[in-house]
Amino acid sequence: MIEAPLYSAAGARQKAAFALPGDLFDGTVHEPVLHQAVKTYLGNQRQGTAMTKTRSFVSGGNQKPWRQKGTGRARQGTTRAPHWRGGGIVFGPIPRDYRAGLPRKVRQLARRSAFNARAREEALFVVEAMEFAAPKTSQLAGLLQKMGLEGKKVLVLSNGLNPNLVLSGRNIPSVEVMRFADASAYDVIWADSVVVEQGALSGEAPVVTGAAAGEPVAAKARKPGAVKKPAARTAKKDAARTAKKAAARPKAERKPAKARKAPARKPAAKKKKEKD
């Protein structure tokens, strides 16, 4: 059984060590899988927009610099050839996608190996519930100082969503704060020391604290540009439209009281057929 030192929220070390769960901390460190996971993660961060100009993209060089024969020089067809100053680049980088994927079980093995490596190096620390009433950088910095982690790259893993803890560590360059479930193998390997909240390892349900706890549940997202009109205003408009149609219908159907008679047209005179 692997154990890790246990600290209180104030930074005091407890006498009893914390027994790490065996399903995650089994002592296995698979270095080839760790290397593959870190390489894939770094490759996925690349934009892949590097590009150089070949001779076909460099402007100019449409004319031979000198005639083919009679000058004593080597024959040249363009000043934009790769061996010319200002010419094109041969086999230079072109825009490409560096993204790669890993199987789910390989990712899980790499994450487990990263945690085991830090636990084996005695660089894993367990802290009781870190409750921050408000974002306070000095409170988190004081906790890390009491634990002897000042100046080191520290990864702080919370049990659930804790916005106040995230905001408290955002202003410290060497500290990264995230949820325990979101930590990848690269995040664990990047840090010199890993600080984990006790509830994340003991199997407690994730707790939402801070500003996010009092926010109402977000409603279903609507399509962009679609604005829901108030029900009262919509009903009022429908009633007015219905009344307008009802008033216009009888007026169109009834005949006017004194309809002027149209002047009778005289029948057109029939042309007499000319006798042949």
C-alpha atoms as a PDB file:
ATOM      1  CA  MET A   1       0.000   0.000   0.000  1.00  0.00           C
ATOM      2  CA  ILE A   2       1.332   3.409  -1.020  1.00  0.00           C
ATOM      3  CA  GLU A   3       0.934   6.277   1.415  1.00  0.00           C
ATOM      4  CA  ALA A   4       1.203  10.041   1.069  1.00  0.00           C
ATOM      5  CA  PRO A   5       1.574  12.792   3.684  1.00  0.00           C
ATOM      6  CA  LEU A   6      -1.686  14.359   4.811  1.00  0.00           C
ATOM      7  CA  TYR A   7      -2.025  18.092   5.529  1.00  0.00           C
ATOM      8  CA  SER A   8      -4.839  20.158   6.984  1.00  0.00           C
ATOM      9  CA  ALA A   9      -6.392  23.069   5.113  1.00  0.00           C
ATOM     10  CA  ALA A  10      -4.225  25.419   7.195  1.00  0.00           C
ATOM     11  CA  GLY A  11      -1.007  23.657   6.130  1.00  0.00           C
ATOM     12  CA  ALA A  12      -0.313  21.622   9.286  1.00  0.00           C
ATOM     13  CA  ARG A  13       0.971  18.106   8.674  1.00  0.00           C
ATOM     14  CA  GLN A  14      -1.054  15.324  10.242  1.00  0.00           C
ATOM     15  CA  LYS A  15       0.595  12.508  12.161  1.00  0.00           C
ATOM     16  CA  ALA A  16      -1.175   9.748  10.261  1.00  0.00           C
ATOM     17  CA  ALA A  17      -0.384   9.306   6.569  1.00  0.00           C
ATOM     18  CA  PHE A  18      -3.094   8.946   3.950  1.00  0.00           C
ATOM     19  CA  ALA A  19      -3.453   5.522   2.306  1.00  0.00           C
ATOM     20  CA  LEU A  20      -3.775   6.042  -1.445  1.00  0.00           C
ATOM     21  CA  PRO A  21      -6.448   3.977  -3.261  1.00  0.00           C
ATOM     22  CA  GLY A  22      -5.058   0.799  -4.764  1.00  0.00           C
ATOM     23  CA  ASP A  23      -7.034   0.924  -8.008  1.00  0.00           C
ATOM     24  CA  LEU A  24      -5.134   4.056  -9.112  1.00  0.00           C
ATOM     25  CA  PHE A  25      -1.878   3.752  -7.162  1.00  0.00           C
ATOM     26  CA  ASP A  26      -0.714   0.221  -7.900  1.00  0.00           C
ATOM     27  CA  GLY A  27       2.971   1.085  -8.323  1.00  0.00           C
ATOM     28  CA  THR A  28       2.979   0.623 -12.116  1.00  0.00           C
ATOM     29  CA  VAL A  29       5.053   3.136 -14.092  1.00  0.00           C
ATOM     30  CA  HIS A  30       4.966   2.387 -17.816  1.00  0.00           C
ATOM     31  CA  GLU A  31       7.573   4.736 -19.256  1.00  0.00           C
ATOM     32  CA  PRO A  32       7.008   3.990 -22.996  1.00  0.00           C
ATOM     33  CA  VAL A  33       3.303   4.768 -22.625  1.00  0.00           C
ATOM     34  CA  LEU A  34       4.128   7.925 -20.665  1.00  0.00           C
ATOM     35  CA  HIS A  35       6.462   9.050 -23.444  1.00  0.00           C
ATOM     36  CA  GLN A  36       3.803   8.368 -26.060  1.00  0.00           C
ATOM     37  CA  ALA A  37       1.137  10.268 -24.109  1.00  0.00           C
ATOM     38  CA  VAL A  38       3.351  13.330 -23.577  1.00  0.00           C
ATOM     39  CA  LYS A  39       4.454  13.321 -27.224  1.00  0.00           C
ATOM     40  CA  THR A  40       0.829  13.127 -28.404  1.00  0.00           C
ATOM     41  CA  TYR A  41      -0.262  15.903 -26.059  1.00  0.00           C
ATOM     42  CA  LEU A  42       2.484  18.271 -27.196  1.00  0.00           C
ATOM     43  CA  GLY A  43       1.802  17.462 -30.838  1.00  0.00           C
ATOM     44  CA  ASN A  44      -1.872  18.291 -30.391  1.00  0.00           C
ATOM     45  CA  GLN A  45      -0.949  21.736 -29.081  1.00  0.00           C
ATOM     46  CA  ARG A  46       0.841  22.659 -32.305  1.00  0.00           C
ATOM     47  CA  GLN A  47      -0.919  24.954 -34.768  1.00  0.00           C
ATOM     48  CA  GLY A  48       0.857  23.513 -37.783  1.00  0.00           C
ATOM     49  CA  THR A  49       0.932  26.830 -39.692  1.00  0.00           C
ATOM     50  CA  ALA A  50       4.693  26.982 -40.419  1.00  0.00           C
ATOM     51  CA  MET A  51       5.351  27.488 -44.122  1.00  0.00           C
ATOM     52  CA  THR A  52       8.231  28.459 -46.404  1.00  0.00           C
ATOM     53  CA  LYS A  53       8.141  29.531 -50.049  1.00  0.00           C
ATOM     54  CA  THR A  54       9.333  27.200 -52.748  1.00  0.00           C
ATOM     55  CA  ARG A  55      10.708  28.583 -56.019  1.00  0.00           C
ATOM     56  CA  SER A  56       7.183  28.659 -57.443  1.00  0.00           C
ATOM     57  CA  PHE A  57       5.991  31.048 -54.706  1.00  0.00           C
ATOM     58  CA  VAL A  58       8.930  33.490 -54.737  1.00  0.00           C
ATOM     59  CA  SER A  59       8.238  36.563 -56.868  1.00  0.00           C
ATOM     60  CA  GLY A  60      10.582  37.426 -59.725  1.00  0.00           C
ATOM     61  CA  GLY A  61      12.979  35.251 -61.662  1.00  0.00           C
ATOM     62  CA  ASN A  62      10.940  35.139 -64.829  1.00  0.00           C
ATOM     63  CA  GLN A  63      13.921  35.936 -67.036  1.00  0.00           C
ATOM     64  CA  LYS A  64      17.277  34.261 -67.485  1.00  0.00           C
ATOM     65  CA  PRO A  65      19.962  36.257 -65.668  1.00  0.00           C
ATOM     66  CA  TRP A  66      22.274  35.935 -68.685  1.00  0.00           C
ATOM     67  CA  ARG A  67      22.343  34.180 -71.975  1.00  0.00           C
ATOM     68  CA  GLN A  68      22.891  30.469 -72.216  1.00  0.00           C
ATOM     69  CA  LYS A  69      26.303  30.457 -73.956  1.00  0.00           C
ATOM     70  CA  GLY A  70      29.277  32.707 -74.427  1.00  0.00           C
ATOM     71  CA  THR A  71      29.642  34.316 -70.986  1.00  0.00           C
ATOM     72  CA  GLY A  72      31.905  31.736 -69.419  1.00  0.00           C
ATOM     73  CA  ARG A  73      29.573  31.363 -66.483  1.00  0.00           C
ATOM     74  CA  ALA A  74      27.450  28.407 -65.529  1.00  0.00           C
ATOM     75  CA  ARG A  75      24.082  28.330 -67.223  1.00  0.00           C
ATOM     76  CA  GLN A  76      21.222  29.680 -65.129  1.00  0.00           C
ATOM     77  CA  GLY A  77      17.531  29.776 -65.867  1.00  0.00           C
ATOM     78  CA  THR A  78      16.211  31.855 -62.963  1.00  0.00           C
ATOM     79  CA  THR A  79      17.432  33.836 -59.976  1.00  0.00           C
ATOM     80  CA  ARG A  80      14.872  32.169 -57.750  1.00  0.00           C
ATOM     81  CA  ALA A  81      16.444  28.721 -57.818  1.00  0.00           C
ATOM     82  CA  PRO A  82      17.208  27.239 -54.353  1.00  0.00           C
ATOM     83  CA  HIS A  83      20.975  27.830 -54.637  1.00  0.00           C
ATOM     84  CA  TRP A  84      20.472  31.562 -55.258  1.00  0.00           C
ATOM     85  CA  ARG A  85      20.298  34.167 -52.520  1.00  0.00           C
ATOM     86  CA  GLY A  86      16.621  35.089 -52.174  1.00  0.00           C
ATOM     87  CA  GLY A  87      15.553  31.931 -53.965  1.00  0.00           C
ATOM     88  CA  GLY A  88      13.051  29.278 -52.922  1.00  0.00           C
ATOM     89  CA  ILE A  89      13.427  26.806 -50.067  1.00  0.00           C
ATOM     90  CA  VAL A  90      13.724  23.091 -50.782  1.00  0.00           C
ATOM     91  CA  PHE A  91      11.736  20.676 -48.617  1.00  0.00           C
ATOM     92  CA  GLY A  92      10.695  23.414 -46.185  1.00  0.00           C
ATOM     93  CA  PRO A  93       7.776  23.068 -43.752  1.00  0.00           C
ATOM     94  CA  ILE A  94       4.265  23.342 -45.118  1.00  0.00           C
ATOM     95  CA  PRO A  95       0.972  23.683 -43.172  1.00  0.00           C
ATOM     96  CA  ARG A  96      -0.033  20.319 -41.765  1.00  0.00           C
ATOM     97  CA  ASP A  97      -2.039  18.782 -38.941  1.00  0.00           C
ATOM     98  CA  TYR A  98      -0.013  17.306 -36.087  1.00  0.00           C
ATOM     99  CA  ARG A  99      -3.002  15.889 -34.230  1.00  0.00           C
ATOM    100  CA  ALA A 100      -2.869  12.272 -33.118  1.00  0.00           C
ATOM    101  CA  GLY A 101      -5.065  10.116 -30.947  1.00  0.00           C
ATOM    102  CA  LEU A 102      -4.521   7.551 -28.240  1.00  0.00           C
ATOM    103  CA  PRO A 103      -6.742   4.627 -27.276  1.00  0.00           C
ATOM    104  CA  ARG A 104      -8.735   5.145 -24.118  1.00  0.00           C
ATOM    105  CA  LYS A 105      -6.972   2.388 -22.172  1.00  0.00           C
ATOM    106  CA  VAL A 106      -3.573   3.752 -23.175  1.00  0.00           C
ATOM    107  CA  ARG A 107      -4.543   7.188 -21.853  1.00  0.00           C
ATOM    108  CA  GLN A 108      -5.713   5.618 -18.607  1.00  0.00           C
ATOM    109  CA  LEU A 109      -2.473   3.670 -18.234  1.00  0.00           C
ATOM    110  CA  ALA A 110      -0.400   6.800 -18.876  1.00  0.00           C
ATOM    111  CA  ARG A 111      -2.377   8.793 -16.306  1.00  0.00           C
ATOM    112  CA  ARG A 112      -2.020   6.019 -13.745  1.00  0.00           C
ATOM    113  CA  SER A 113       1.698   5.757 -14.438  1.00  0.00           C
ATOM    114  CA  ALA A 114       2.157   9.506 -13.973  1.00  0.00           C
ATOM    115  CA  PHE A 115       0.456   9.469 -10.561  1.00  0.00           C
ATOM    116  CA  ASN A 116       2.474   6.425  -9.487  1.00  0.00           C
ATOM    117  CA  ALA A 117       5.707   8.118 -10.558  1.00  0.00           C
ATOM    118  CA  ARG A 118       4.977  11.185  -8.421  1.00  0.00           C
ATOM    119  CA  ALA A 119       3.901   9.022  -5.468  1.00  0.00           C
ATOM    120  CA  ARG A 120       7.085   6.962  -5.757  1.00  0.00           C
ATOM    121  CA  GLU A 121       9.162  10.156  -5.709  1.00  0.00           C
ATOM    122  CA  GLU A 122       7.278  11.324  -2.595  1.00  0.00           C
ATOM    123  CA  ALA A 123       6.059  14.341  -4.542  1.00  0.00           C
ATOM    124  CA  LEU A 124       2.357  13.670  -3.955  1.00  0.00           C
ATOM    125  CA  PHE A 125       0.601  15.469  -1.084  1.00  0.00           C
ATOM    126  CA  VAL A 126      -2.958  15.128   0.185  1.00  0.00           C
ATOM    127  CA  VAL A 127      -4.794  18.107   1.676  1.00  0.00           C
ATOM    128  CA  GLU A 128      -8.111  18.204   3.461  1.00  0.00           C
ATOM    129  CA  ALA A 129     -11.015  20.137   1.939  1.00  0.00           C
ATOM    130  CA  MET A 130      -9.714  23.455   0.612  1.00  0.00           C
ATOM    131  CA  GLU A 131     -12.554  25.886   1.202  1.00  0.00           C
ATOM    132  CA  PHE A 132     -12.073  29.444  -0.010  1.00  0.00           C
ATOM    133  CA  ALA A 133     -14.799  31.935   0.895  1.00  0.00           C
ATOM    134  CA  ALA A 134     -13.457  34.301  -1.763  1.00  0.00           C
ATOM    135  CA  PRO A 135     -10.569  34.307  -4.245  1.00  0.00           C
ATOM    136  CA  LYS A 136      -7.418  34.913  -2.190  1.00  0.00           C
ATOM    137  CA  THR A 137      -3.993  34.385  -3.727  1.00  0.00           C
ATOM    138  CA  SER A 138      -2.176  34.961  -0.446  1.00  0.00           C
ATOM    139  CA  GLN A 139      -4.157  32.164   1.239  1.00  0.00           C
ATOM    140  CA  LEU A 140      -3.143  29.577  -1.364  1.00  0.00           C
ATOM    141  CA  ALA A 141       0.443  30.867  -1.478  1.00  0.00           C
ATOM    142  CA  GLY A 142       0.652  30.621   2.326  1.00  0.00           C
ATOM    143  CA  LEU A 143      -0.637  27.041   2.242  1.00  0.00           C
ATOM    144  CA  LEU A 144       1.980  25.997  -0.314  1.00  0.00           C
ATOM    145  CA  GLN A 145       4.703  27.791   1.652  1.00  0.00           C
ATOM    146  CA  LYS A 146       3.843  25.892   4.825  1.00  0.00           C
ATOM    147  CA  MET A 147       3.979  22.647   2.869  1.00  0.00           C
ATOM    148  CA  GLY A 148       7.459  23.510   1.588  1.00  0.00           C
ATOM    149  CA  LEU A 149       6.395  23.864  -2.044  1.00  0.00           C
ATOM    150  CA  GLU A 150       7.201  27.530  -2.565  1.00  0.00           C
ATOM    151  CA  GLY A 151       8.968  28.200  -5.869  1.00  0.00           C
ATOM    152  CA  LYS A 152       8.167  24.773  -7.318  1.00  0.00           C
ATOM    153  CA  LYS A 153       5.835  23.878 -10.153  1.00  0.00           C
ATOM    154  CA  VAL A 154       2.741  22.666  -8.312  1.00  0.00           C
ATOM    155  CA  LEU A 155      -0.393  21.031  -9.671  1.00  0.00           C
ATOM    156  CA  VAL A 156      -3.387  21.501  -7.345  1.00  0.00           C
ATOM    157  CA  LEU A 157      -6.248  19.060  -7.953  1.00  0.00           C
ATOM    158  CA  SER A 158      -9.633  19.772  -6.381  1.00  0.00           C
ATOM    159  CA  ASN A 159     -12.431  17.321  -5.713  1.00  0.00           C
ATOM    160  CA  GLY A 160     -14.968  19.282  -7.743  1.00  0.00           C
ATOM    161  CA  LEU A 161     -15.510  22.634  -9.377  1.00  0.00           C
ATOM    162  CA  ASN A 162     -14.017  25.285  -7.085  1.00  0.00           C
ATOM    163  CA  PRO A 163     -13.892  28.675  -8.860  1.00  0.00           C
ATOM    164  CA  ASN A 164     -12.470  30.494  -5.837  1.00  0.00           C
ATOM    165  CA  LEU A 165      -9.556  28.057  -5.690  1.00  0.00           C
ATOM    166  CA  VAL A 166      -8.942  28.436  -9.426  1.00  0.00           C
ATOM    167  CA  LEU A 167      -8.936  32.227  -9.191  1.00  0.00           C
ATOM    168  CA  SER A 168      -6.650  32.102  -6.157  1.00  0.00           C
ATOM    169  CA  GLY A 169      -3.988  30.169  -8.047  1.00  0.00           C
ATOM    170  CA  ARG A 170      -4.339  31.909 -11.390  1.00  0.00           C
ATOM    171  CA  ASN A 171      -1.984  34.727 -10.427  1.00  0.00           C
ATOM    172  CA  ILE A 172       0.835  32.390  -9.323  1.00  0.00           C
ATOM    173  CA  PRO A 173       2.981  31.549 -12.382  1.00  0.00           C
ATOM    174  CA  SER A 174       4.186  28.152 -11.141  1.00  0.00           C
ATOM    175  CA  VAL A 175       0.805  26.872  -9.908  1.00  0.00           C
ATOM    176  CA  GLU A 176      -1.851  25.145 -11.989  1.00  0.00           C
ATOM    177  CA  VAL A 177      -5.299  24.430 -10.508  1.00  0.00           C
ATOM    178  CA  MET A 178      -7.836  22.044 -12.051  1.00  0.00           C
ATOM    179  CA  ARG A 179     -10.253  19.284 -11.177  1.00  0.00           C
ATOM    180  CA  PHE A 180      -8.858  15.865 -10.317  1.00  0.00           C
ATOM    181  CA  ALA A 181     -10.893  14.279 -13.111  1.00  0.00           C
ATOM    182  CA  ASP A 182      -9.463  16.699 -15.711  1.00  0.00           C
ATOM    183  CA  ALA A 183      -5.773  16.068 -14.993  1.00  0.00           C
ATOM    184  CA  SER A 184      -3.938  14.322 -17.818  1.00  0.00           C
ATOM    185  CA  ALA A 185      -0.630  12.472 -17.766  1.00  0.00           C
ATOM    186  CA  TYR A 186       1.158  15.535 -19.136  1.00  0.00           C
ATOM    187  CA  ASP A 187      -0.256  17.781 -16.394  1.00  0.00           C
ATOM    188  CA  VAL A 188       1.020  15.427 -13.691  1.00  0.00           C
ATOM    189  CA  ILE A 189       4.449  15.015 -15.319  1.00  0.00           C
ATOM    190  CA  TRP A 190       4.776  18.784 -15.838  1.00  0.00           C
ATOM    191  CA  ALA A 191       4.492  19.498 -12.117  1.00  0.00           C
ATOM    192  CA  ASP A 192       7.295  18.939  -9.635  1.00  0.00           C
ATOM    193  CA  SER A 193       4.733  18.315  -6.880  1.00  0.00           C
ATOM    194  CA  VAL A 194       1.076  17.318  -6.950  1.00  0.00           C
ATOM    195  CA  VAL A 195      -1.373  18.463  -4.267  1.00  0.00           C
ATOM    196  CA  VAL A 196      -4.647  16.516  -4.250  1.00  0.00           C
ATOM    197  CA  GLU A 197      -7.750  17.260  -2.229  1.00  0.00           C
ATOM    198  CA  GLN A 198      -8.631  14.406   0.099  1.00  0.00           C
ATOM    199  CA  GLY A 199     -12.177  14.017  -1.174  1.00  0.00           C
ATOM    200  CA  ALA A 200     -10.956  13.285  -4.709  1.00  0.00           C
ATOM    201  CA  LEU A 201      -9.038  10.205  -3.508  1.00  0.00           C
ATOM    202  CA  SER A 202     -11.456   8.955  -0.857  1.00  0.00           C
ATOM    203  CA  GLY A 203     -14.319   8.568  -3.346  1.00  0.00           C
ATOM    204  CA  GLU A 204     -16.507  11.426  -2.111  1.00  0.00           C
ATOM    205  CA  ALA A 205     -18.973  12.984  -4.529  1.00  0.00           C
ATOM    206  CA  PRO A 206     -17.587  16.053  -6.337  1.00  0.00           C
ATOM    207  CA  VAL A 207     -18.595  19.260  -4.576  1.00  0.00           C
ATOM    208  CA  VAL A 208     -19.322  22.547  -6.333  1.00  0.00           C
ATOM    209  CA  THR A 209     -18.236  25.470  -4.173  1.00  0.00           C
ATOM    210  CA  GLY A 210     -17.746  29.179  -4.607  1.00  0.00           C
ATOM    211  CA  ALA A 211     -19.576  31.388  -7.065  1.00  0.00           C
ATOM    212  CA  ALA A 212     -20.709  28.451  -9.204  1.00  0.00           C
ATOM    213  CA  ALA A 213     -22.689  26.929  -6.324  1.00  0.00           C
ATOM    214  CA  GLY A 214     -25.215  29.787  -6.184  1.00  0.00           C
ATOM    215  CA  GLU A 215     -25.742  30.118  -9.917  1.00  0.00           C
ATOM    216  CA  PRO A 216     -29.009  28.773 -11.332  1.00  0.00           C
ATOM    217  CA  VAL A 217     -28.929  25.901 -13.776  1.00  0.00           C
ATOM    218  CA  ALA A 218     -28.480  27.249 -17.277  1.00  0.00           C
ATOM    219  CA  ALA A 219     -31.500  26.933 -19.535  1.00  0.00           C
ATOM    220  CA  LYS A 220     -31.423  25.054 -22.796  1.00  0.00           C
ATOM    221  CA  ALA A 221     -29.359  26.957 -25.320  1.00  0.00           C
ATOM    222  CA  ARG A 222     -31.370  28.616 -28.073  1.00  0.00           C
ATOM    223  CA  LYS A 223     -30.283  29.159 -31.612  1.00  0.00           C
ATOM    224  CA  PRO A 224     -28.294  32.368 -32.157  1.00  0.00           C
ATOM    225  CA  GLY A 225     -30.539  35.291 -32.976  1.00  0.00           C
ATOM    226  CA  ALA A 226     -33.682  33.645 -31.626  1.00  0.00           C
ATOM    227  CA  VAL A 227     -35.203  35.841 -28.894  1.00  0.00           C
ATOM    228  CA  LYS A 228     -38.180  34.585 -26.950  1.00  0.00           C
ATOM    229  CA  LYS A 229     -40.911  37.219 -26.790  1.00  0.00           C
ATOM    230  CA  PRO A 230     -42.944  37.752 -23.620  1.00  0.00           C
ATOM    231  CA  ALA A 231     -46.155  35.730 -23.552  1.00  0.00           C
ATOM    232  CA  ALA A 232     -48.361  38.724 -22.628  1.00  0.00           C
ATOM    233  CA  ARG A 233     -47.072  40.822 -25.528  1.00  0.00           C
ATOM    234  CA  THR A 234     -47.550  37.978 -27.997  1.00  0.00           C
ATOM    235  CA  ALA A 235     -51.103  37.312 -26.805  1.00  0.00           C
ATOM    236  CA  LYS A 236     -51.956  41.033 -27.073  1.00  0.00           C
ATOM    237  CA  LYS A 237     -50.698  41.191 -30.649  1.00  0.00           C
ATOM    238  CA  ASP A 238     -52.640  38.051 -31.603  1.00  0.00           C
ATOM    239  CA  ALA A 239     -55.863  39.471 -30.139  1.00  0.00           C
ATOM    240  CA  ALA A 240     -55.436  42.775 -32.004  1.00  0.00           C
ATOM    241  CA  ARG A 241     -54.735  40.960 -35.263  1.00  0.00           C
ATOM    242  CA  THR A 242     -57.827  38.766 -34.822  1.00  0.00           C
ATOM    243  CA  ALA A 243     -60.064  41.789 -34.084  1.00  0.00           C
ATOM    244  CA  LYS A 244     -58.753  43.617 -37.130  1.00  0.00           C
ATOM    245  CA  LYS A 245     -59.559  40.690 -39.387  1.00  0.00           C
ATOM    246  CA  ALA A 246     -63.056  40.341 -37.888  1.00  0.00           C
ATOM    247  CA  ALA A 247     -63.790  44.047 -38.479  1.00  0.00           C
ATOM    248  CA  ALA A 248     -62.528  43.991 -42.041  1.00  0.00           C
ATOM    249  CA  ARG A 249     -64.453  40.905 -43.155  1.00  0.00           C
ATOM    250  CA  PRO A 250     -68.130  42.244 -43.026  1.00  0.00           C
ATOM    251  CA  LYS A 251     -67.122  45.513 -44.637  1.00  0.00           C
ATOM    252  CA  ALA A 252     -65.779  43.693 -47.624  1.00  0.00           C
ATOM    253  CA  GLU A 253     -68.809  41.409 -47.922  1.00  0.00           C
ATOM    254  CA  ARG A 254     -71.724  43.902 -47.668  1.00  0.00           C
ATOM    255  CA  LYS A 255     -72.738  46.038 -50.628  1.00  0.00           C
ATOM    256  CA  PRO A 256     -72.665  49.837 -50.403  1.00  0.00           C
ATOM    257  CA  ALA A 257     -76.021  51.521 -49.438  1.00  0.00           C
ATOM    258  CA  LYS A 258     -76.226  53.775 -52.463  1.00  0.00           C
ATOM    259  CA  ALA A 259     -74.370  52.139 -55.172  1.00  0.00           C
ATOM    260  CA  ARG A 260     -73.950  54.257 -58.178  1.00  0.00           C
ATOM    261  CA  LYS A 261     -75.138  52.594 -61.300  1.00  0.00           C
ATOM    262  CA  ALA A 262     -72.575  52.396 -63.924  1.00  0.00           C
ATOM    263  CA  PRO A 263     -73.598  54.100 -67.189  1.00  0.00           C
ATOM    264  CA  ALA A 264     -75.108  51.584 -69.528  1.00  0.00           C
ATOM    265  CA  ARG A 265     -72.979  50.905 -72.453  1.00  0.00           C
ATOM    266  CA  LYS A 266     -74.589  51.032 -75.868  1.00  0.00           C
ATOM    267  CA  PRO A 267     -74.334  47.850 -77.753  1.00  0.00           C
ATOM    268  CA  ALA A 268     -71.747  48.100 -80.394  1.00  0.00           C
ATOM    269  CA  ALA A 269     -73.206  48.547 -83.839  1.00  0.00           C
ATOM    270  CA  LYS A 270     -72.964  45.484 -85.884  1.00  0.00           C
ATOM    271  CA  LYS A 271     -71.132  45.927 -89.085  1.00  0.00           C
ATOM    272  CA  LYS A 272     -73.091  45.015 -92.100  1.00  0.00           C
ATOM    273  CA  LYS A 273     -71.548  42.358 -94.075  1.00  0.00           C
ATOM    274  CA  GLU A 274     -70.670  43.555 -97.503  1.00  0.00           C
ATOM    275  CA  LYS A 275     -72.235  41.568-100.174  1.00  0.00           C
ATOM    276  CA  ASP A 276     -69.864  40.309-102.654  1.00  0.00           C
END
